Structure formats: C-alpha cells, structure tokens
C-alpha cells in the first residue's frame, strides 16, 4: 500500500512523502533546501487544513496549489507577496 502522507515545509514546498529527501537522521526534508518537513496523514487531511485557512485568508488555497513541488527558498519567491530577502552582500543579516 502506498504511503499517503503529505509533507510540507516552512519553505512552502509540499508533496507526497515519496517525493521528499531525507536528512542523515532519517527525518524527511525539502529536496531543494533541506528544510525539515511536517506531515499530514493524507491528502484529505491536508486540504481540510488548507480550506480552513482559506476561510480567513481568501486566495490561500490557490497559492498552496501553486506551491506543490516548489521551494520558496531556492526559487526566490516570497509566499507573502513581499520581496524575497537579500542573501549575502552588505545587506546580509
């Protein structure tokens, strides 16, 4: 039986657990930036949470749908619609 878990990270990346990478510790991580992932039991549970957030944040579901397989940290987009943070150079924090 296929593992139905959905994993997701702070970097916006999300997909089925078979699409993620793993850290040396065995924890699932984003295949692009290595961020540790959280999990939902299955896609139904995942979308229930997304739809709950949609009630107070119209447009949220459309954003989440577009993030599948995409990492904001490596693609340079900001999920909040603001300019991505600068990396390196004199403005680095």
PDB file of N, CA and C in Angstrom:
ATOM      1  N   UNK A   1       0.841  -1.183   0.000  1.00  0.00           N
ATOM      2  CA  UNK A   1       0.000   0.000   0.000  1.00  0.00           C
ATOM      3  C   UNK A   1       0.886   1.247   0.000  1.00  0.00           C
ATOM      4  N   UNK A   2       0.541   2.219  -0.844  1.00  0.00           N
ATOM      5  CA  UNK A   2       1.326   3.440  -0.962  1.00  0.00           C
ATOM      6  C   UNK A   2       1.163   4.311   0.283  1.00  0.00           C
ATOM      7  N   UNK A   3       2.255   4.904   0.713  1.00  0.00           N
ATOM      8  CA  UNK A   3       2.255   5.822   1.844  1.00  0.00           C
ATOM      9  C   UNK A   3       1.537   7.097   1.412  1.00  0.00           C
ATOM     10  N   UNK A   4       0.439   7.445   2.054  1.00  0.00           N
ATOM     11  CA  UNK A   4      -0.413   8.562   1.635  1.00  0.00           C
ATOM     12  C   UNK A   4      -0.062   9.889   2.305  1.00  0.00           C
ATOM     13  N   UNK A   5       0.975   9.903   3.156  1.00  0.00           N
ATOM     14  CA  UNK A   5       1.283  11.132   3.885  1.00  0.00           C
ATOM     15  C   UNK A   5       1.680  12.279   2.943  1.00  0.00           C
ATOM     16  N   UNK A   6       1.277  13.477   3.347  1.00  0.00           N
ATOM     17  CA  UNK A   6       1.677  14.710   2.680  1.00  0.00           C
ATOM     18  C   UNK A   6       2.663  15.398   3.615  1.00  0.00           C
ATOM     19  N   UNK A   7       3.800  15.803   3.068  1.00  0.00           N
ATOM     20  CA  UNK A   7       4.799  16.506   3.874  1.00  0.00           C
ATOM     21  C   UNK A   7       4.952  17.924   3.339  1.00  0.00           C
ATOM     22  N   UNK A   8       5.263  18.850   4.251  1.00  0.00           N
ATOM     23  CA  UNK A   8       5.321  20.258   3.879  1.00  0.00           C
ATOM     24  C   UNK A   8       6.309  20.994   4.769  1.00  0.00           C
ATOM     25  N   UNK A   9       6.890  22.050   4.220  1.00  0.00           N
ATOM     26  CA  UNK A   9       7.903  22.784   4.967  1.00  0.00           C
ATOM     27  C   UNK A   9       7.627  24.263   5.080  1.00  0.00           C
ATOM     28  N   UNK A  10       8.422  24.919   5.908  1.00  0.00           N
ATOM     29  CA  UNK A  10       8.340  26.372   6.066  1.00  0.00           C
ATOM     30  C   UNK A  10       8.742  27.079   4.768  1.00  0.00           C
ATOM     31  N   UNK A  11       9.399  26.366   3.883  1.00  0.00           N
ATOM     32  CA  UNK A  11       9.858  26.927   2.608  1.00  0.00           C
ATOM     33  C   UNK A  11       8.764  26.875   1.546  1.00  0.00           C
ATOM     34  N   UNK A  12       7.585  26.465   1.874  1.00  0.00           N
ATOM     35  CA  UNK A  12       6.398  26.319   1.020  1.00  0.00           C
ATOM     36  C   UNK A  12       6.355  25.008   0.260  1.00  0.00           C
ATOM     37  N   UNK A  13       7.467  24.271   0.167  1.00  0.00           N
ATOM     38  CA  UNK A  13       7.460  23.009  -0.578  1.00  0.00           C
ATOM     39  C   UNK A  13       6.508  22.033   0.101  1.00  0.00           C
ATOM     40  N   UNK A  14       5.706  21.335  -0.719  1.00  0.00           N
ATOM     41  CA  UNK A  14       4.857  20.259  -0.204  1.00  0.00           C
ATOM     42  C   UNK A  14       4.614  19.262  -1.324  1.00  0.00           C
ATOM     43  N   UNK A  15       4.406  17.998  -0.923  1.00  0.00           N
ATOM     44  CA  UNK A  15       4.107  16.936  -1.881  1.00  0.00           C
ATOM     45  C   UNK A  15       3.907  15.645  -1.088  1.00  0.00           C
ATOM     46  N   UNK A  16       3.764  14.534  -1.800  1.00  0.00           N
ATOM     47  CA  UNK A  16       3.650  13.250  -1.114  1.00  0.00           C
ATOM     48  C   UNK A  16       5.016  12.882  -0.539  1.00  0.00           C
ATOM     49  N   UNK A  17       5.004  12.071   0.491  1.00  0.00           N
ATOM     50  CA  UNK A  17       6.245  11.764   1.199  1.00  0.00           C
ATOM     51  C   UNK A  17       7.282  11.071   0.315  1.00  0.00           C
ATOM     52  N   UNK A  18       6.844  10.383  -0.717  1.00  0.00           N
ATOM     53  CA  UNK A  18       7.815   9.722  -1.598  1.00  0.00           C
ATOM     54  C   UNK A  18       8.592  10.704  -2.469  1.00  0.00           C
ATOM     55  N   UNK A  19       8.201  11.976  -2.476  1.00  0.00           N
ATOM     56  CA  UNK A  19       8.888  12.994  -3.269  1.00  0.00           C
ATOM     57  C   UNK A  19       9.920  13.782  -2.471  1.00  0.00           C
ATOM     58  N   UNK A  20       9.972  13.571  -1.153  1.00  0.00           N
ATOM     59  CA  UNK A  20      10.906  14.344  -0.330  1.00  0.00           C
ATOM     60  C   UNK A  20      12.270  13.659  -0.254  1.00  0.00           C
ATOM     61  N   UNK A  21      13.221  14.391   0.287  1.00  0.00           N
ATOM     62  CA  UNK A  21      14.543  13.846   0.589  1.00  0.00           C
ATOM     63  C   UNK A  21      14.561  13.511   2.072  1.00  0.00           C
ATOM     64  N   UNK A  22      15.670  12.940   2.531  1.00  0.00           N
ATOM     65  CA  UNK A  22      15.814  12.633   3.958  1.00  0.00           C
ATOM     66  C   UNK A  22      17.162  13.113   4.450  1.00  0.00           C
ATOM     67  N   UNK A  23      17.160  13.637   5.659  1.00  0.00           N
ATOM     68  CA  UNK A  23      18.398  14.031   6.316  1.00  0.00           C
ATOM     69  C   UNK A  23      19.127  12.779   6.784  1.00  0.00           C
ATOM     70  N   UNK A  24      20.419  12.873   7.130  1.00  0.00           N
ATOM     71  CA  UNK A  24      21.137  11.697   7.647  1.00  0.00           C
ATOM     72  C   UNK A  24      20.437  11.055   8.855  1.00  0.00           C
ATOM     73  N   UNK A  25      19.692  11.864   9.608  1.00  0.00           N
ATOM     74  CA  UNK A  25      18.959  11.357  10.767  1.00  0.00           C
ATOM     75  C   UNK A  25      17.729  10.543  10.374  1.00  0.00           C
ATOM     76  N   UNK A  26      17.341  10.630   9.084  1.00  0.00           N
ATOM     77  CA  UNK A  26      16.150   9.937   8.603  1.00  0.00           C
ATOM     78  C   UNK A  26      14.912  10.812   8.538  1.00  0.00           C
ATOM     79  N   UNK A  27      14.997  12.042   9.062  1.00  0.00           N
ATOM     80  CA  UNK A  27      13.854  12.951   9.012  1.00  0.00           C
ATOM     81  C   UNK A  27      13.609  13.404   7.578  1.00  0.00           C
ATOM     82  N   UNK A  28      12.340  13.510   7.178  1.00  0.00           N
ATOM     83  CA  UNK A  28      12.044  13.997   5.832  1.00  0.00           C
ATOM     84  C   UNK A  28      12.415  15.479   5.717  1.00  0.00           C
ATOM     85  N   UNK A  29      12.927  15.851   4.541  1.00  0.00           N
ATOM     86  CA  UNK A  29      13.301  17.250   4.318  1.00  0.00           C
ATOM     87  C   UNK A  29      12.982  17.658   2.892  1.00  0.00           C
ATOM     88  N   UNK A  30      12.943  18.963   2.670  1.00  0.00           N
ATOM     89  CA  UNK A  30      12.711  19.514   1.339  1.00  0.00           C
ATOM     90  C   UNK A  30      13.838  19.053   0.415  1.00  0.00           C
ATOM     91  N   UNK A  31      13.506  18.551  -0.762  1.00  0.00           N
ATOM     92  CA  UNK A  31      14.548  18.104  -1.681  1.00  0.00           C
ATOM     93  C   UNK A  31      15.365  19.245  -2.281  1.00  0.00           C
ATOM     94  N   UNK A  32      14.948  20.488  -2.051  1.00  0.00           N
ATOM     95  CA  UNK A  32      15.656  21.630  -2.619  1.00  0.00           C
ATOM     96  C   UNK A  32      16.529  22.351  -1.597  1.00  0.00           C
ATOM     97  N   UNK A  33      15.963  22.668  -0.415  1.00  0.00           N
ATOM     98  CA  UNK A  33      16.724  23.448   0.575  1.00  0.00           C
ATOM     99  C   UNK A  33      17.121  22.657   1.815  1.00  0.00           C
ATOM    100  N   UNK A  34      16.568  21.461   1.994  1.00  0.00           N
ATOM    101  CA  UNK A  34      16.916  20.641   3.153  1.00  0.00           C
ATOM    102  C   UNK A  34      16.149  20.962   4.418  1.00  0.00           C
ATOM    103  N   UNK A  35      15.152  21.835   4.327  1.00  0.00           N
ATOM    104  CA  UNK A  35      14.333  22.204   5.482  1.00  0.00           C
ATOM    105  C   UNK A  35      13.557  20.988   5.984  1.00  0.00           C
ATOM    106  N   UNK A  36      13.539  20.789   7.302  1.00  0.00           N
ATOM    107  CA  UNK A  36      12.789  19.678   7.896  1.00  0.00           C
ATOM    108  C   UNK A  36      11.306  19.871   7.603  1.00  0.00           C
ATOM    109  N   UNK A  37      10.602  18.773   7.345  1.00  0.00           N
ATOM    110  CA  UNK A  37       9.200  18.828   6.947  1.00  0.00           C
ATOM    111  C   UNK A  37       8.252  18.372   8.052  1.00  0.00           C
ATOM    112  N   UNK A  38       7.055  18.895   8.017  1.00  0.00           N
ATOM    113  CA  UNK A  38       5.939  18.466   8.855  1.00  0.00           C
ATOM    114  C   UNK A  38       5.117  17.495   8.026  1.00  0.00           C
ATOM    115  N   UNK A  39       4.141  16.853   8.635  1.00  0.00           N
ATOM    116  CA  UNK A  39       3.332  15.937   7.825  1.00  0.00           C
ATOM    117  C   UNK A  39       1.863  15.948   8.204  1.00  0.00           C
ATOM    118  N   UNK A  40       1.055  15.637   7.205  1.00  0.00           N
ATOM    119  CA  UNK A  40      -0.377  15.401   7.370  1.00  0.00           C
ATOM    120  C   UNK A  40      -0.588  13.929   7.016  1.00  0.00           C
ATOM    121  N   UNK A  41      -1.568  13.294   7.606  1.00  0.00           N
ATOM    122  CA  UNK A  41      -1.790  11.857   7.414  1.00  0.00           C
ATOM    123  C   UNK A  41      -2.084  11.479   5.965  1.00  0.00           C
ATOM    124  N   UNK A  42      -2.777  12.376   5.257  1.00  0.00           N
ATOM    125  CA  UNK A  42      -3.165  12.088   3.869  1.00  0.00           C
ATOM    126  C   UNK A  42      -3.605  13.384   3.198  1.00  0.00           C
ATOM    127  N   UNK A  43      -3.910  13.296   1.913  1.00  0.00           N
ATOM    128  CA  UNK A  43      -4.277  14.498   1.160  1.00  0.00           C
ATOM    129  C   UNK A  43      -5.595  15.104   1.658  1.00  0.00           C
ATOM    130  N   UNK A  44      -6.519  14.273   2.087  1.00  0.00           N
ATOM    131  CA  UNK A  44      -7.798  14.790   2.596  1.00  0.00           C
ATOM    132  C   UNK A  44      -7.547  15.683   3.819  1.00  0.00           C
ATOM    133  N   UNK A  45      -6.740  15.200   4.760  1.00  0.00           N
ATOM    134  CA  UNK A  45      -6.419  15.993   5.947  1.00  0.00           C
ATOM    135  C   UNK A  45      -5.684  17.279   5.556  1.00  0.00           C
ATOM    136  N   UNK A  46      -4.766  17.167   4.611  1.00  0.00           N
ATOM    137  CA  UNK A  46      -4.010  18.331   4.130  1.00  0.00           C
ATOM    138  C   UNK A  46      -4.949  19.412   3.604  1.00  0.00           C
ATOM    139  N   UNK A  47      -5.848  19.033   2.693  1.00  0.00           N
ATOM    140  CA  UNK A  47      -6.745  20.020   2.087  1.00  0.00           C
ATOM    141  C   UNK A  47      -7.759  20.562   3.083  1.00  0.00           C
ATOM    142  N   UNK A  48      -8.127  19.784   4.088  1.00  0.00           N
ATOM    143  CA  UNK A  48      -9.034  20.303   5.122  1.00  0.00           C
ATOM    144  C   UNK A  48      -8.371  21.474   5.844  1.00  0.00           C
ATOM    145  N   UNK A  49      -7.097  21.341   6.180  1.00  0.00           N
ATOM    146  CA  UNK A  49      -6.365  22.422   6.829  1.00  0.00           C
ATOM    147  C   UNK A  49      -6.226  23.642   5.932  1.00  0.00           C
ATOM    148  N   UNK A  50      -5.929  23.400   4.671  1.00  0.00           N
ATOM    149  CA  UNK A  50      -5.803  24.499   3.700  1.00  0.00           C
ATOM    150  C   UNK A  50      -7.144  25.217   3.552  1.00  0.00           C
ATOM    151  N   UNK A  51      -8.222  24.463   3.425  1.00  0.00           N
ATOM    152  CA  UNK A  51      -9.546  25.063   3.263  1.00  0.00           C
ATOM    153  C   UNK A  51      -9.978  25.827   4.511  1.00  0.00           C
ATOM    154  N   UNK A  52      -9.561  25.372   5.675  1.00  0.00           N
ATOM    155  CA  UNK A  52      -9.863  26.095   6.913  1.00  0.00           C
ATOM    156  C   UNK A  52      -9.163  27.461   6.894  1.00  0.00           C
ATOM    157  N   UNK A  53      -7.913  27.484   6.444  1.00  0.00           N
ATOM    158  CA  UNK A  53      -7.174  28.748   6.347  1.00  0.00           C
ATOM    159  C   UNK A  53      -7.780  29.664   5.285  1.00  0.00           C
ATOM    160  N   UNK A  54      -8.344  29.086   4.245  1.00  0.00           N
ATOM    161  CA  UNK A  54      -8.976  29.861   3.159  1.00  0.00           C
ATOM    162  C   UNK A  54     -10.127  30.716   3.693  1.00  0.00           C
ATOM    163  N   UNK A  55     -10.803  30.247   4.744  1.00  0.00           N
ATOM    164  CA  UNK A  55     -11.950  30.975   5.298  1.00  0.00           C
ATOM    165  C   UNK A  55     -11.568  32.365   5.788  1.00  0.00           C
ATOM    166  N   UNK A  56     -10.372  32.502   6.340  1.00  0.00           N
ATOM    167  CA  UNK A  56      -9.935  33.796   6.866  1.00  0.00           C
ATOM    168  C   UNK A  56      -8.885  34.465   5.981  1.00  0.00           C
ATOM    169  N   UNK A  57      -8.441  33.755   4.950  1.00  0.00           N
ATOM    170  CA  UNK A  57      -7.409  34.279   4.064  1.00  0.00           C
ATOM    171  C   UNK A  57      -7.762  33.914   2.623  1.00  0.00           C
ATOM    172  N   UNK A  58      -8.736  34.628   2.027  1.00  0.00           N
ATOM    173  CA  UNK A  58      -9.159  34.310   0.664  1.00  0.00           C
ATOM    174  C   UNK A  58      -7.972  34.272  -0.311  1.00  0.00           C
ATOM    175  N   UNK A  59      -7.945  33.266  -1.150  1.00  0.00           N
ATOM    176  CA  UNK A  59      -6.862  33.095  -2.105  1.00  0.00           C
ATOM    177  C   UNK A  59      -5.774  32.152  -1.625  1.00  0.00           C
ATOM    178  N   UNK A  60      -5.862  31.742  -0.355  1.00  0.00           N
ATOM    179  CA  UNK A  60      -4.832  30.877   0.219  1.00  0.00           C
ATOM    180  C   UNK A  60      -4.733  29.543  -0.523  1.00  0.00           C
ATOM    181  N   UNK A  61      -5.863  28.924  -0.799  1.00  0.00           N
ATOM    182  CA  UNK A  61      -5.823  27.613  -1.461  1.00  0.00           C
ATOM    183  C   UNK A  61      -5.144  27.702  -2.833  1.00  0.00           C
ATOM    184  N   UNK A  62      -5.447  28.729  -3.601  1.00  0.00           N
ATOM    185  CA  UNK A  62      -4.820  28.879  -4.920  1.00  0.00           C
ATOM    186  C   UNK A  62      -3.306  29.009  -4.792  1.00  0.00           C
ATOM    187  N   UNK A  63      -2.843  29.753  -3.782  1.00  0.00           N
ATOM    188  CA  UNK A  63      -1.407  29.872  -3.548  1.00  0.00           C
ATOM    189  C   UNK A  63      -0.811  28.504  -3.230  1.00  0.00           C
ATOM    190  N   UNK A  64      -1.446  27.797  -2.299  1.00  0.00           N
ATOM    191  CA  UNK A  64      -0.924  26.494  -1.878  1.00  0.00           C
ATOM    192  C   UNK A  64      -0.892  25.518  -3.051  1.00  0.00           C
ATOM    193  N   UNK A  65      -1.912  25.527  -3.873  1.00  0.00           N
ATOM    194  CA  UNK A  65      -1.917  24.650  -5.050  1.00  0.00           C
ATOM    195  C   UNK A  65      -0.718  24.937  -5.942  1.00  0.00           C
ATOM    196  N   UNK A  66      -0.355  26.211  -6.090  1.00  0.00           N
ATOM    197  CA  UNK A  66       0.768  26.579  -6.954  1.00  0.00           C
ATOM    198  C   UNK A  66       2.125  26.246  -6.340  1.00  0.00           C
ATOM    199  N   UNK A  67       2.173  26.009  -5.036  1.00  0.00           N
ATOM    200  CA  UNK A  67       3.436  25.724  -4.361  1.00  0.00           C
ATOM    201  C   UNK A  67       3.839  24.253  -4.415  1.00  0.00           C
ATOM    202  N   UNK A  68       2.977  23.358  -4.873  1.00  0.00           N
ATOM    203  CA  UNK A  68       3.320  21.930  -4.852  1.00  0.00           C
ATOM    204  C   UNK A  68       4.632  21.696  -5.612  1.00  0.00           C
ATOM    205  N   UNK A  69       5.602  21.106  -4.914  1.00  0.00           N
ATOM    206  CA  UNK A  69       6.894  20.817  -5.508  1.00  0.00           C
ATOM    207  C   UNK A  69       7.809  22.021  -5.664  1.00  0.00           C
ATOM    208  N   UNK A  70       7.400  23.177  -5.129  1.00  0.00           N
ATOM    209  CA  UNK A  70       8.199  24.405  -5.267  1.00  0.00           C
ATOM    210  C   UNK A  70       8.723  24.876  -3.913  1.00  0.00           C
ATOM    211  N   UNK A  71       9.972  25.263  -3.897  1.00  0.00           N
ATOM    212  CA  UNK A  71      10.627  25.737  -2.674  1.00  0.00           C
ATOM    213  C   UNK A  71      10.887  27.233  -2.798  1.00  0.00           C
ATOM    214  N   UNK A  72      10.275  28.024  -1.918  1.00  0.00           N
ATOM    215  CA  UNK A  72      10.451  29.478  -1.974  1.00  0.00           C
ATOM    216  C   UNK A  72      11.892  29.888  -1.684  1.00  0.00           C
ATOM    217  N   UNK A  73      12.593  29.101  -0.905  1.00  0.00           N
ATOM    218  CA  UNK A  73      13.972  29.455  -0.559  1.00  0.00           C
ATOM    219  C   UNK A  73      14.915  29.307  -1.748  1.00  0.00           C
ATOM    220  N   UNK A  74      14.703  28.309  -2.586  1.00  0.00           N
ATOM    221  CA  UNK A  74      15.609  28.108  -3.719  1.00  0.00           C
ATOM    222  C   UNK A  74      15.109  28.778  -4.989  1.00  0.00           C
ATOM    223  N   UNK A  75      13.810  29.041  -5.078  1.00  0.00           N
ATOM    224  CA  UNK A  75      13.271  29.717  -6.266  1.00  0.00           C
ATOM    225  C   UNK A  75      13.226  31.229  -6.097  1.00  0.00           C
ATOM    226  N   UNK A  76      13.416  31.708  -4.870  1.00  0.00           N
ATOM    227  CA  UNK A  76      13.485  33.140  -4.635  1.00  0.00           C
ATOM    228  C   UNK A  76      12.161  33.877  -4.622  1.00  0.00           C
ATOM    229  N   UNK A  77      11.050  33.167  -4.432  1.00  0.00           N
ATOM    230  CA  UNK A  77       9.781  33.889  -4.320  1.00  0.00           C
ATOM    231  C   UNK A  77       9.357  33.939  -2.865  1.00  0.00           C
ATOM    232  N   UNK A  78       8.601  34.973  -2.530  1.00  0.00           N
ATOM    233  CA  UNK A  78       8.132  35.131  -1.161  1.00  0.00           C
ATOM    234  C   UNK A  78       6.663  34.756  -1.090  1.00  0.00           C
ATOM    235  N   UNK A  79       6.297  33.769  -0.286  1.00  0.00           N
ATOM    236  CA  UNK A  79       4.904  33.338  -0.216  1.00  0.00           C
ATOM    237  C   UNK A  79       3.951  34.402   0.322  1.00  0.00           C
ATOM    238  N   UNK A  80       4.476  35.442   0.947  1.00  0.00           N
ATOM    239  CA  UNK A  80       3.629  36.510   1.476  1.00  0.00           C
ATOM    240  C   UNK A  80       3.487  37.674   0.506  1.00  0.00           C
ATOM    241  N   UNK A  81       4.090  37.551  -0.673  1.00  0.00           N
ATOM    242  CA  UNK A  81       3.961  38.581  -1.684  1.00  0.00           C
ATOM    243  C   UNK A  81       4.935  39.730  -1.527  1.00  0.00           C
ATOM    244  N   UNK A  82       5.876  39.627  -0.586  1.00  0.00           N
ATOM    245  CA  UNK A  82       6.874  40.663  -0.391  1.00  0.00           C
ATOM    246  C   UNK A  82       8.145  40.270  -1.136  1.00  0.00           C
ATOM    247  N   UNK A  83       9.037  41.199  -1.294  1.00  0.00           N
ATOM    248  CA  UNK A  83      10.292  40.908  -1.981  1.00  0.00           C
ATOM    249  C   UNK A  83      11.067  39.844  -1.206  1.00  0.00           C
ATOM    250  N   UNK A  84      11.684  38.896  -1.905  1.00  0.00           N
ATOM    251  CA  UNK A  84      12.488  37.885  -1.217  1.00  0.00           C
ATOM    252  C   UNK A  84      13.623  38.546  -0.440  1.00  0.00           C
ATOM    253  N   UNK A  85      14.007  37.980   0.702  1.00  0.00           N
ATOM    254  CA  UNK A  85      15.093  38.567   1.488  1.00  0.00           C
ATOM    255  C   UNK A  85      16.411  38.514   0.721  1.00  0.00           C
ATOM    256  N   UNK A  86      17.251  39.502   0.950  1.00  0.00           N
ATOM    257  CA  UNK A  86      18.570  39.542   0.314  1.00  0.00           C
ATOM    258  C   UNK A  86      19.460  38.480   0.960  1.00  0.00           C
ATOM    259  N   UNK A  87      20.331  37.897   0.149  1.00  0.00           N
ATOM    260  CA  UNK A  87      21.315  36.955   0.676  1.00  0.00           C
ATOM    261  C   UNK A  87      22.688  37.450   0.321  1.00  0.00           C
ATOM    262  N   UNK A  88      23.606  37.385   1.288  1.00  0.00           N
ATOM    263  CA  UNK A  88      24.982  37.810   1.022  1.00  0.00           C
ATOM    264  C   UNK A  88      25.093  39.310   0.855  1.00  0.00           C
ATOM    265  N   UNK A  89      26.272  39.752   0.474  1.00  0.00           N
ATOM    266  CA  UNK A  89      26.484  41.174   0.246  1.00  0.00           C
ATOM    267  C   UNK A  89      26.381  42.005   1.508  1.00  0.00           C
ATOM    268  N   UNK A  90      26.370  43.299   1.348  1.00  0.00           N
ATOM    269  CA  UNK A  90      26.395  44.198   2.516  1.00  0.00           C
ATOM    270  C   UNK A  90      25.083  44.243   3.266  1.00  0.00           C
ATOM    271  N   UNK A  91      23.976  43.805   2.640  1.00  0.00           N
ATOM    272  CA  UNK A  91      22.673  43.861   3.311  1.00  0.00           C
ATOM    273  C   UNK A  91      22.354  42.584   4.083  1.00  0.00           C
ATOM    274  N   UNK A  92      23.284  41.639   4.095  1.00  0.00           N
ATOM    275  CA  UNK A  92      23.031  40.353   4.776  1.00  0.00           C
ATOM    276  C   UNK A  92      22.906  40.574   6.271  1.00  0.00           C
ATOM    277  N   UNK A  93      22.004  39.828   6.872  1.00  0.00           N
ATOM    278  CA  UNK A  93      21.848  39.962   8.320  1.00  0.00           C
ATOM    279  C   UNK A  93      22.578  38.861   9.040  1.00  0.00           C
TER     280      UNK A  93
END
